[in-house]
Amino acid sequence: MQKYARVKLLPKMMMAAVSGVFTGACLVFLVIVGALGFTYATTKAVHLPGLIQAWFTNENAMPAVNFQPNFAGMLVLVGVVAAMFCLSTWRQARGGSSDELPECG
């Protein structure tokens, strides 16, 4: 019976990994759009360590937003989100719940 449970877990884990990658990519996109929008609206510099650095400038008397992305940090964030999705799926498949955890104090 245990072997059958492992076979059922594999597709769930793969789906969780794919869902986590897409969710992480959407999260990175929203953070970048928010940072660039904030920079443009306030004309202040924004620095999100490991993700993006954006600053406001004027070029040829026109407003401009410059940015420097950190692709390694973005991949790490996407990987962390995907790992969290996989971990929660694995924990669900094991039958673990927060009710089994000991209470503090």
PDB file of N, CA and C in Angstrom:
ATOM      1  N   MET A   1       0.819  -1.195   0.000  1.00  0.00           N
ATOM      2  CA  MET A   1       0.000   0.000   0.000  1.00  0.00           C
ATOM      3  C   MET A   1       0.861   1.255   0.000  1.00  0.00           C
ATOM      4  N   GLN A   2       2.006   1.191   0.663  1.00  0.00           N
ATOM      5  CA  GLN A   2       2.906   2.337   0.744  1.00  0.00           C
ATOM      6  C   GLN A   2       3.467   2.692  -0.628  1.00  0.00           C
ATOM      7  N   LYS A   3       3.754   1.676  -1.447  1.00  0.00           N
ATOM      8  CA  LYS A   3       4.297   1.927  -2.780  1.00  0.00           C
ATOM      9  C   LYS A   3       3.271   2.657  -3.645  1.00  0.00           C
ATOM     10  N   TYR A   4       2.011   2.290  -3.529  1.00  0.00           N
ATOM     11  CA  TYR A   4       0.959   2.944  -4.295  1.00  0.00           C
ATOM     12  C   TYR A   4       0.840   4.414  -3.890  1.00  0.00           C
ATOM     13  N   ALA A   5       1.010   4.700  -2.609  1.00  0.00           N
ATOM     14  CA  ALA A   5       0.926   6.087  -2.135  1.00  0.00           C
ATOM     15  C   ALA A   5       2.055   6.922  -2.729  1.00  0.00           C
ATOM     16  N   ARG A   6       3.250   6.326  -2.855  1.00  0.00           N
ATOM     17  CA  ARG A   6       4.377   7.051  -3.453  1.00  0.00           C
ATOM     18  C   ARG A   6       4.142   7.315  -4.930  1.00  0.00           C
ATOM     19  N   VAL A   7       3.546   6.371  -5.630  1.00  0.00           N
ATOM     20  CA  VAL A   7       3.266   6.544  -7.054  1.00  0.00           C
ATOM     21  C   VAL A   7       2.239   7.656  -7.243  1.00  0.00           C
ATOM     22  N   LYS A   8       1.273   7.745  -6.364  1.00  0.00           N
ATOM     23  CA  LYS A   8       0.281   8.807  -6.443  1.00  0.00           C
ATOM     24  C   LYS A   8       0.871  10.168  -6.095  1.00  0.00           C
ATOM     25  N   LEU A   9       1.911  10.174  -5.279  1.00  0.00           N
ATOM     26  CA  LEU A   9       2.512  11.423  -4.832  1.00  0.00           C
ATOM     27  C   LEU A   9       3.316  12.099  -5.935  1.00  0.00           C
ATOM     28  N   LEU A  10       3.924  11.321  -6.815  1.00  0.00           N
ATOM     29  CA  LEU A  10       4.794  11.889  -7.852  1.00  0.00           C
ATOM     30  C   LEU A  10       4.070  12.881  -8.763  1.00  0.00           C
ATOM     31  N   PRO A  11       2.903  12.553  -9.319  1.00  0.00           N
ATOM     32  CA  PRO A  11       2.219  13.559 -10.151  1.00  0.00           C
ATOM     33  C   PRO A  11       1.812  14.805  -9.362  1.00  0.00           C
ATOM     34  N   LYS A  12       1.440  14.616  -8.102  1.00  0.00           N
ATOM     35  CA  LYS A  12       1.081  15.770  -7.280  1.00  0.00           C
ATOM     36  C   LYS A  12       2.288  16.678  -7.054  1.00  0.00           C
ATOM     37  N   MET A  13       3.448  16.065  -6.813  1.00  0.00           N
ATOM     38  CA  MET A  13       4.666  16.852  -6.594  1.00  0.00           C
ATOM     39  C   MET A  13       5.072  17.583  -7.870  1.00  0.00           C
ATOM     40  N   MET A  14       4.940  16.918  -9.011  1.00  0.00           N
ATOM     41  CA  MET A  14       5.281  17.574 -10.278  1.00  0.00           C
ATOM     42  C   MET A  14       4.342  18.744 -10.538  1.00  0.00           C
ATOM     43  N   MET A  15       3.067  18.557 -10.265  1.00  0.00           N
ATOM     44  CA  MET A  15       2.102  19.640 -10.454  1.00  0.00           C
ATOM     45  C   MET A  15       2.383  20.785  -9.486  1.00  0.00           C
ATOM     46  N   ALA A  16       2.762  20.454  -8.263  1.00  0.00           N
ATOM     47  CA  ALA A  16       3.092  21.491  -7.282  1.00  0.00           C
ATOM     48  C   ALA A  16       4.331  22.266  -7.713  1.00  0.00           C
ATOM     49  N   ALA A  17       5.318  21.569  -8.275  1.00  0.00           N
ATOM     50  CA  ALA A  17       6.532  22.248  -8.737  1.00  0.00           C
ATOM     51  C   ALA A  17       6.222  23.206  -9.880  1.00  0.00           C
ATOM     52  N   VAL A  18       5.425  22.749 -10.835  1.00  0.00           N
ATOM     53  CA  VAL A  18       5.059  23.610 -11.969  1.00  0.00           C
ATOM     54  C   VAL A  18       4.232  24.801 -11.483  1.00  0.00           C
ATOM     55  N   SER A  19       3.283  24.540 -10.595  1.00  0.00           N
ATOM     56  CA  SER A  19       2.469  25.627 -10.042  1.00  0.00           C
ATOM     57  C   SER A  19       3.331  26.613  -9.267  1.00  0.00           C
ATOM     58  N   GLY A  20       4.290  26.100  -8.523  1.00  0.00           N
ATOM     59  CA  GLY A  20       5.188  26.964  -7.762  1.00  0.00           C
ATOM     60  C   GLY A  20       6.056  27.828  -8.654  1.00  0.00           C
ATOM     61  N   VAL A  21       6.536  27.265  -9.757  1.00  0.00           N
ATOM     62  CA  VAL A  21       7.356  28.046 -10.691  1.00  0.00           C
ATOM     63  C   VAL A  21       6.528  29.163 -11.310  1.00  0.00           C
ATOM     64  N   PHE A  22       5.313  28.838 -11.746  1.00  0.00           N
ATOM     65  CA  PHE A  22       4.461  29.875 -12.341  1.00  0.00           C
ATOM     66  C   PHE A  22       4.064  30.936 -11.313  1.00  0.00           C
ATOM     67  N   THR A  23       3.742  30.514 -10.102  1.00  0.00           N
ATOM     68  CA  THR A  23       3.384  31.475  -9.061  1.00  0.00           C
ATOM     69  C   THR A  23       4.574  32.357  -8.705  1.00  0.00           C
ATOM     70  N   GLY A  24       5.756  31.759  -8.604  1.00  0.00           N
ATOM     71  CA  GLY A  24       6.958  32.540  -8.315  1.00  0.00           C
ATOM     72  C   GLY A  24       7.276  33.532  -9.414  1.00  0.00           C
ATOM     73  N   ALA A  25       7.113  33.118 -10.669  1.00  0.00           N
ATOM     74  CA  ALA A  25       7.365  34.028 -11.791  1.00  0.00           C
ATOM     75  C   ALA A  25       6.373  35.186 -11.781  1.00  0.00           C
ATOM     76  N   CYS A  26       5.123  34.898 -11.471  1.00  0.00           N
ATOM     77  CA  CYS A  26       4.121  35.973 -11.379  1.00  0.00           C
ATOM     78  C   CYS A  26       4.446  36.918 -10.230  1.00  0.00           C
ATOM     79  N   LEU A  27       4.902  36.378  -9.121  1.00  0.00           N
ATOM     80  CA  LEU A  27       5.281  37.202  -7.980  1.00  0.00           C
ATOM     81  C   LEU A  27       6.447  38.124  -8.332  1.00  0.00           C
ATOM     82  N   VAL A  28       7.458  37.585  -9.010  1.00  0.00           N
ATOM     83  CA  VAL A  28       8.600  38.401  -9.438  1.00  0.00           C
ATOM     84  C   VAL A  28       8.134  39.500 -10.384  1.00  0.00           C
ATOM     85  N   PHE A  29       7.271  39.162 -11.329  1.00  0.00           N
ATOM     86  CA  PHE A  29       6.759  40.158 -12.276  1.00  0.00           C
ATOM     87  C   PHE A  29       6.021  41.279 -11.548  1.00  0.00           C
ATOM     88  N   LEU A  30       5.152  40.922 -10.603  1.00  0.00           N
ATOM     89  CA  LEU A  30       4.399  41.935  -9.868  1.00  0.00           C
ATOM     90  C   LEU A  30       5.310  42.824  -9.025  1.00  0.00           C
ATOM     91  N   VAL A  31       6.332  42.241  -8.424  1.00  0.00           N
ATOM     92  CA  VAL A  31       7.282  43.029  -7.634  1.00  0.00           C
ATOM     93  C   VAL A  31       8.033  44.008  -8.524  1.00  0.00           C
ATOM     94  N   ILE A  32       8.458  43.559  -9.699  1.00  0.00           N
ATOM     95  CA  ILE A  32       9.189  44.440 -10.616  1.00  0.00           C
ATOM     96  C   ILE A  32       8.289  45.566 -11.112  1.00  0.00           C
ATOM     97  N   VAL A  33       7.072  45.247 -11.506  1.00  0.00           N
ATOM     98  CA  VAL A  33       6.144  46.283 -11.976  1.00  0.00           C
ATOM     99  C   VAL A  33       5.855  47.278 -10.854  1.00  0.00           C
ATOM    100  N   GLY A  34       5.668  46.781  -9.647  1.00  0.00           N
ATOM    101  CA  GLY A  34       5.431  47.671  -8.511  1.00  0.00           C
ATOM    102  C   GLY A  34       6.613  48.578  -8.224  1.00  0.00           C
ATOM    103  N   ALA A  35       7.820  48.023  -8.276  1.00  0.00           N
ATOM    104  CA  ALA A  35       9.017  48.830  -8.023  1.00  0.00           C
ATOM    105  C   ALA A  35       9.201  49.897  -9.092  1.00  0.00           C
ATOM    106  N   LEU A  36       9.008  49.525 -10.353  1.00  0.00           N
ATOM    107  CA  LEU A  36       9.152  50.507 -11.429  1.00  0.00           C
ATOM    108  C   LEU A  36       8.057  51.569 -11.358  1.00  0.00           C
ATOM    109  N   GLY A  37       6.839  51.174 -11.046  1.00  0.00           N
ATOM    110  CA  GLY A  37       5.751  52.135 -10.901  1.00  0.00           C
ATOM    111  C   GLY A  37       5.982  53.084  -9.737  1.00  0.00           C
ATOM    112  N   PHE A  38       6.472  52.559  -8.625  1.00  0.00           N
ATOM    113  CA  PHE A  38       6.772  53.399  -7.465  1.00  0.00           C
ATOM    114  C   PHE A  38       7.887  54.384  -7.794  1.00  0.00           C
ATOM    115  N   THR A  39       8.902  53.915  -8.500  1.00  0.00           N
ATOM    116  CA  THR A  39      10.003  54.793  -8.885  1.00  0.00           C
ATOM    117  C   THR A  39       9.513  55.907  -9.794  1.00  0.00           C
ATOM    118  N   TYR A  40       8.693  55.576 -10.756  1.00  0.00           N
ATOM    119  CA  TYR A  40       8.192  56.590 -11.688  1.00  0.00           C
ATOM    120  C   TYR A  40       7.267  57.586 -10.987  1.00  0.00           C
ATOM    121  N   ALA A  41       6.424  57.088 -10.084  1.00  0.00           N
ATOM    122  CA  ALA A  41       5.448  57.959  -9.425  1.00  0.00           C
ATOM    123  C   ALA A  41       6.087  58.896  -8.403  1.00  0.00           C
ATOM    124  N   THR A  42       7.114  58.426  -7.707  1.00  0.00           N
ATOM    125  CA  THR A  42       7.702  59.228  -6.631  1.00  0.00           C
ATOM    126  C   THR A  42       9.035  59.860  -7.004  1.00  0.00           C
ATOM    127  N   THR A  43       9.606  59.509  -8.129  1.00  0.00           N
ATOM    128  CA  THR A  43      10.937  59.958  -8.581  1.00  0.00           C
ATOM    129  C   THR A  43      12.028  59.634  -7.560  1.00  0.00           C
ATOM    130  N   LYS A  44      11.834  58.606  -6.768  1.00  0.00           N
ATOM    131  CA  LYS A  44      12.825  58.147  -5.795  1.00  0.00           C
ATOM    132  C   LYS A  44      13.396  56.814  -6.255  1.00  0.00           C
ATOM    133  N   ALA A  45      14.592  56.514  -5.782  1.00  0.00           N
ATOM    134  CA  ALA A  45      15.231  55.242  -6.123  1.00  0.00           C
ATOM    135  C   ALA A  45      14.628  54.112  -5.284  1.00  0.00           C
ATOM    136  N   VAL A  46      14.525  52.940  -5.880  1.00  0.00           N
ATOM    137  CA  VAL A  46      14.040  51.744  -5.192  1.00  0.00           C
ATOM    138  C   VAL A  46      15.095  50.664  -5.343  1.00  0.00           C
ATOM    139  N   HIS A  47      15.454  50.034  -4.220  1.00  0.00           N
ATOM    140  CA  HIS A  47      16.419  48.939  -4.266  1.00  0.00           C
ATOM    141  C   HIS A  47      15.851  47.772  -3.475  1.00  0.00           C
ATOM    142  N   LEU A  48      15.510  46.713  -4.172  1.00  0.00           N
ATOM    143  CA  LEU A  48      15.069  45.475  -3.539  1.00  0.00           C
ATOM    144  C   LEU A  48      16.240  44.504  -3.628  1.00  0.00           C
ATOM    145  N   PRO A  49      16.947  44.285  -2.518  1.00  0.00           N
ATOM    146  CA  PRO A  49      18.167  43.473  -2.563  1.00  0.00           C
ATOM    147  C   PRO A  49      17.919  42.105  -3.185  1.00  0.00           C
ATOM    148  N   GLY A  50      18.730  41.776  -4.144  1.00  0.00           N
ATOM    149  CA  GLY A  50      18.637  40.488  -4.805  1.00  0.00           C
ATOM    150  C   GLY A  50      17.644  40.424  -5.941  1.00  0.00           C
ATOM    151  N   LEU A  51      16.852  41.481  -6.157  1.00  0.00           N
ATOM    152  CA  LEU A  51      15.856  41.443  -7.227  1.00  0.00           C
ATOM    153  C   LEU A  51      16.068  42.536  -8.260  1.00  0.00           C
ATOM    154  N   ILE A  52      15.983  43.799  -7.836  1.00  0.00           N
ATOM    155  CA  ILE A  52      16.028  44.900  -8.794  1.00  0.00           C
ATOM    156  C   ILE A  52      16.462  46.180  -8.088  1.00  0.00           C
ATOM    157  N   GLN A  53      17.108  47.026  -8.866  1.00  0.00           N
ATOM    158  CA  GLN A  53      17.448  48.372  -8.422  1.00  0.00           C
ATOM    159  C   GLN A  53      16.941  49.321  -9.504  1.00  0.00           C
ATOM    160  N   ALA A  54      16.117  50.291  -9.127  1.00  0.00           N
ATOM    161  CA  ALA A  54      15.526  51.216 -10.098  1.00  0.00           C
ATOM    162  C   ALA A  54      15.724  52.647  -9.614  1.00  0.00           C
ATOM    163  N   TRP A  55      15.953  53.560 -10.552  1.00  0.00           N
ATOM    164  CA  TRP A  55      16.129  54.963 -10.210  1.00  0.00           C
ATOM    165  C   TRP A  55      15.555  55.827 -11.320  1.00  0.00           C
ATOM    166  N   PHE A  56      15.188  57.037 -10.949  1.00  0.00           N
ATOM    167  CA  PHE A  56      14.532  57.976 -11.856  1.00  0.00           C
ATOM    168  C   PHE A  56      15.567  58.958 -12.403  1.00  0.00           C
ATOM    169  N   THR A  57      15.500  59.240 -13.695  1.00  0.00           N
ATOM    170  CA  THR A  57      16.386  60.229 -14.316  1.00  0.00           C
ATOM    171  C   THR A  57      15.596  61.041 -15.337  1.00  0.00           C
ATOM    172  N   ASN A  58      16.209  62.120 -15.780  1.00  0.00           N
ATOM    173  CA  ASN A  58      15.677  62.917 -16.885  1.00  0.00           C
ATOM    174  C   ASN A  58      16.659  62.817 -18.039  1.00  0.00           C
ATOM    175  N   GLU A  59      16.176  62.413 -19.185  1.00  0.00           N
ATOM    176  CA  GLU A  59      17.014  62.314 -20.379  1.00  0.00           C
ATOM    177  C   GLU A  59      16.361  63.120 -21.486  1.00  0.00           C
ATOM    178  N   ASN A  60      17.091  64.094 -22.006  1.00  0.00           N
ATOM    179  CA  ASN A  60      16.575  64.988 -23.051  1.00  0.00           C
ATOM    180  C   ASN A  60      15.278  65.660 -22.607  1.00  0.00           C
ATOM    181  N   ALA A  61      15.268  66.113 -21.367  1.00  0.00           N
ATOM    182  CA  ALA A  61      14.126  66.807 -20.763  1.00  0.00           C
ATOM    183  C   ALA A  61      12.865  65.935 -20.689  1.00  0.00           C
ATOM    184  N   MET A  62      13.042  64.626 -20.715  1.00  0.00           N
ATOM    185  CA  MET A  62      11.917  63.693 -20.588  1.00  0.00           C
ATOM    186  C   MET A  62      12.183  62.772 -19.394  1.00  0.00           C
ATOM    187  N   PRO A  63      11.141  62.435 -18.632  1.00  0.00           N
ATOM    188  CA  PRO A  63      11.339  61.532 -17.496  1.00  0.00           C
ATOM    189  C   PRO A  63      11.654  60.109 -17.968  1.00  0.00           C
ATOM    190  N   ALA A  64      12.529  59.448 -17.221  1.00  0.00           N
ATOM    191  CA  ALA A  64      12.910  58.074 -17.567  1.00  0.00           C
ATOM    192  C   ALA A  64      13.189  57.290 -16.290  1.00  0.00           C
ATOM    193  N   VAL A  65      12.908  56.005 -16.336  1.00  0.00           N
ATOM    194  CA  VAL A  65      13.215  55.104 -15.227  1.00  0.00           C
ATOM    195  C   VAL A  65      14.266  54.121 -15.716  1.00  0.00           C
ATOM    196  N   ASN A  66      15.382  54.082 -15.025  1.00  0.00           N
ATOM    197  CA  ASN A  66      16.440  53.113 -15.325  1.00  0.00           C
ATOM    198  C   ASN A  66      16.384  52.014 -14.271  1.00  0.00           C
ATOM    199  N   PHE A  67      16.767  50.812 -14.662  1.00  0.00           N
ATOM    200  CA  PHE A  67      16.762  49.728 -13.691  1.00  0.00           C
ATOM    201  C   PHE A  67      17.867  48.737 -14.009  1.00  0.00           C
ATOM    202  N   GLN A  68      18.266  48.028 -12.962  1.00  0.00           N
ATOM    203  CA  GLN A  68      19.279  46.984 -13.092  1.00  0.00           C
ATOM    204  C   GLN A  68      18.731  45.729 -12.416  1.00  0.00           C
ATOM    205  N   PRO A  69      18.341  44.728 -13.199  1.00  0.00           N
ATOM    206  CA  PRO A  69      17.784  43.507 -12.607  1.00  0.00           C
ATOM    207  C   PRO A  69      18.887  42.580 -12.102  1.00  0.00           C
ATOM    208  N   ASN A  70      18.533  41.729 -11.160  1.00  0.00           N
ATOM    209  CA  ASN A  70      19.427  40.692 -10.662  1.00  0.00           C
ATOM    210  C   ASN A  70      18.748  39.348 -10.954  1.00  0.00           C
ATOM    211  N   PHE A  71      19.147  38.728 -12.062  1.00  0.00           N
ATOM    212  CA  PHE A  71      18.472  37.512 -12.511  1.00  0.00           C
ATOM    213  C   PHE A  71      18.705  36.331 -11.572  1.00  0.00           C
ATOM    214  N   ALA A  72      19.869  36.267 -10.944  1.00  0.00           N
ATOM    215  CA  ALA A  72      20.131  35.172 -10.004  1.00  0.00           C
ATOM    216  C   ALA A  72      19.179  35.255  -8.811  1.00  0.00           C
ATOM    217  N   GLY A  73      18.968  36.455  -8.301  1.00  0.00           N
ATOM    218  CA  GLY A  73      18.041  36.629  -7.185  1.00  0.00           C
ATOM    219  C   GLY A  73      16.610  36.295  -7.562  1.00  0.00           C
ATOM    220  N   MET A  74      16.247  36.635  -8.797  1.00  0.00           N
ATOM    221  CA  MET A  74      14.898  36.312  -9.268  1.00  0.00           C
ATOM    222  C   MET A  74      14.707  34.803  -9.349  1.00  0.00           C
ATOM    223  N   LEU A  75      15.713  34.101  -9.844  1.00  0.00           N
ATOM    224  CA  LEU A  75      15.627  32.640  -9.917  1.00  0.00           C
ATOM    225  C   LEU A  75      15.551  32.018  -8.529  1.00  0.00           C
ATOM    226  N   VAL A  76      16.287  32.596  -7.577  1.00  0.00           N
ATOM    227  CA  VAL A  76      16.231  32.084  -6.206  1.00  0.00           C
ATOM    228  C   VAL A  76      14.827  32.254  -5.639  1.00  0.00           C
ATOM    229  N   LEU A  77      14.213  33.413  -5.862  1.00  0.00           N
ATOM    230  CA  LEU A  77      12.851  33.642  -5.365  1.00  0.00           C
ATOM    231  C   LEU A  77      11.861  32.665  -5.994  1.00  0.00           C
ATOM    232  N   VAL A  78      11.964  32.449  -7.288  1.00  0.00           N
ATOM    233  CA  VAL A  78      11.079  31.486  -7.962  1.00  0.00           C
ATOM    234  C   VAL A  78      11.319  30.086  -7.402  1.00  0.00           C
ATOM    235  N   GLY A  79      12.571  29.723  -7.179  1.00  0.00           N
ATOM    236  CA  GLY A  79      12.892  28.410  -6.618  1.00  0.00           C
ATOM    237  C   GLY A  79      12.366  28.225  -5.208  1.00  0.00           C
ATOM    238  N   VAL A  80      12.444  29.266  -4.392  1.00  0.00           N
ATOM    239  CA  VAL A  80      11.930  29.183  -3.020  1.00  0.00           C
ATOM    240  C   VAL A  80      10.415  28.992  -3.026  1.00  0.00           C
ATOM    241  N   VAL A  81       9.720  29.724  -3.880  1.00  0.00           N
ATOM    242  CA  VAL A  81       8.259  29.569  -3.961  1.00  0.00           C
ATOM    243  C   VAL A  81       7.906  28.158  -4.438  1.00  0.00           C
ATOM    244  N   ALA A  82       8.613  27.657  -5.444  1.00  0.00           N
ATOM    245  CA  ALA A  82       8.350  26.296  -5.937  1.00  0.00           C
ATOM    246  C   ALA A  82       8.639  25.260  -4.853  1.00  0.00           C
ATOM    247  N   ALA A  83       9.718  25.449  -4.098  1.00  0.00           N
ATOM    248  CA  ALA A  83      10.046  24.516  -3.019  1.00  0.00           C
ATOM    249  C   ALA A  83       8.978  24.543  -1.928  1.00  0.00           C
ATOM    250  N   MET A  84       8.445  25.719  -1.632  1.00  0.00           N
ATOM    251  CA  MET A  84       7.379  25.810  -0.629  1.00  0.00           C
ATOM    252  C   MET A  84       6.118  25.087  -1.101  1.00  0.00           C
ATOM    253  N   PHE A  85       5.801  25.207  -2.383  1.00  0.00           N
ATOM    254  CA  PHE A  85       4.644  24.485  -2.930  1.00  0.00           C
ATOM    255  C   PHE A  85       4.868  22.974  -2.812  1.00  0.00           C
ATOM    256  N   CYS A  86       6.063  22.507  -3.174  1.00  0.00           N
ATOM    257  CA  CYS A  86       6.363  21.066  -3.096  1.00  0.00           C
ATOM    258  C   CYS A  86       6.332  20.576  -1.655  1.00  0.00           C
ATOM    259  N   LEU A  87       6.881  21.361  -0.748  1.00  0.00           N
ATOM    260  CA  LEU A  87       6.899  20.968   0.658  1.00  0.00           C
ATOM    261  C   LEU A  87       5.488  20.871   1.225  1.00  0.00           C
ATOM    262  N   SER A  88       4.637  21.820   0.872  1.00  0.00           N
ATOM    263  CA  SER A  88       3.264  21.758   1.381  1.00  0.00           C
ATOM    264  C   SER A  88       2.505  20.571   0.784  1.00  0.00           C
ATOM    265  N   THR A  89       2.767  20.250  -0.477  1.00  0.00           N
ATOM    266  CA  THR A  89       2.124  19.083  -1.095  1.00  0.00           C
ATOM    267  C   THR A  89       2.604  17.796  -0.442  1.00  0.00           C
ATOM    268  N   TRP A  90       3.902  17.692  -0.182  1.00  0.00           N
ATOM    269  CA  TRP A  90       4.461  16.501   0.460  1.00  0.00           C
ATOM    270  C   TRP A  90       3.892  16.347   1.868  1.00  0.00           C
ATOM    271  N   ARG A  91       3.781  17.459   2.580  1.00  0.00           N
ATOM    272  CA  ARG A  91       3.241  17.404   3.945  1.00  0.00           C
ATOM    273  C   ARG A  91       1.766  16.999   3.928  1.00  0.00           C
ATOM    274  N   GLN A  92       1.028  17.490   2.954  1.00  0.00           N
ATOM    275  CA  GLN A  92      -0.380  17.120   2.830  1.00  0.00           C
ATOM    276  C   GLN A  92      -0.524  15.632   2.531  1.00  0.00           C
ATOM    277  N   ALA A  93       0.339  15.120   1.661  1.00  0.00           N
ATOM    278  CA  ALA A  93       0.254  13.709   1.275  1.00  0.00           C
ATOM    279  C   ALA A  93       0.602  12.788   2.441  1.00  0.00           C
ATOM    280  N   ARG A  94       1.457  13.252   3.344  1.00  0.00           N
ATOM    281  CA  ARG A  94       1.818  12.448   4.511  1.00  0.00           C
ATOM    282  C   ARG A  94       0.710  12.426   5.547  1.00  0.00           C
ATOM    283  N   GLY A  95      -0.263  13.310   5.381  1.00  0.00           N
ATOM    284  CA  GLY A  95      -1.363  13.338   6.335  1.00  0.00           C
ATOM    285  C   GLY A  95      -1.073  14.216   7.530  1.00  0.00           C
ATOM    286  N   GLY A  96      -0.029  15.005   7.450  1.00  0.00           N
ATOM    287  CA  GLY A  96       0.308  15.891   8.557  1.00  0.00           C
ATOM    288  C   GLY A  96      -0.601  17.101   8.586  1.00  0.00           C
ATOM    289  N   SER A  97      -0.882  17.553   9.775  1.00  0.00           N
ATOM    290  CA  SER A  97      -1.688  18.762   9.910  1.00  0.00           C
ATOM    291  C   SER A  97      -1.159  19.567  11.079  1.00  0.00           C
ATOM    292  N   SER A  98      -1.591  20.778  11.169  1.00  0.00           N
ATOM    293  CA  SER A  98      -1.136  21.640  12.254  1.00  0.00           C
ATOM    294  C   SER A  98      -1.743  21.210  13.590  1.00  0.00           C
ATOM    295  N   ASP A  99      -2.780  20.365  13.566  1.00  0.00           N
ATOM    296  CA  ASP A  99      -3.386  19.889  14.809  1.00  0.00           C
ATOM    297  C   ASP A  99      -2.443  18.961  15.565  1.00  0.00           C
ATOM    298  N   GLU A 100      -1.510  18.319  14.855  1.00  0.00           N
ATOM    299  CA  GLU A 100      -0.606  17.371  15.484  1.00  0.00           C
ATOM    300  C   GLU A 100       0.580  18.049  16.154  1.00  0.00           C
ATOM    301  N   LEU A 101       0.798  19.323  15.882  1.00  0.00           N
ATOM    302  CA  LEU A 101       1.942  20.020  16.442  1.00  0.00           C
ATOM    303  C   LEU A 101       1.695  20.333  17.911  1.00  0.00           C
ATOM    304  N   PRO A 102       2.753  20.269  18.740  1.00  0.00           N
ATOM    305  CA  PRO A 102       2.564  20.582  20.158  1.00  0.00           C
ATOM    306  C   PRO A 102       2.305  22.073  20.349  1.00  0.00           C
ATOM    307  N   GLU A 103       1.558  22.379  21.397  1.00  0.00           N
ATOM    308  CA  GLU A 103       1.259  23.779  21.673  1.00  0.00           C
ATOM    309  C   GLU A 103       2.427  24.424  22.400  1.00  0.00           C
ATOM    310  N   CYS A 104       2.615  25.694  22.160  1.00  0.00           N
ATOM    311  CA  CYS A 104       3.679  26.443  22.833  1.00  0.00           C
ATOM    312  C   CYS A 104       3.175  26.916  24.189  1.00  0.00           C
ATOM    313  N   GLY A 105       4.080  26.898  25.158  1.00  0.00           N
ATOM    314  CA  GLY A 105       3.765  27.486  26.461  1.00  0.00           C
ATOM    315  C   GLY A 105       3.188  26.570  27.401  1.00  0.00           C
TER     316      GLY A 105
END
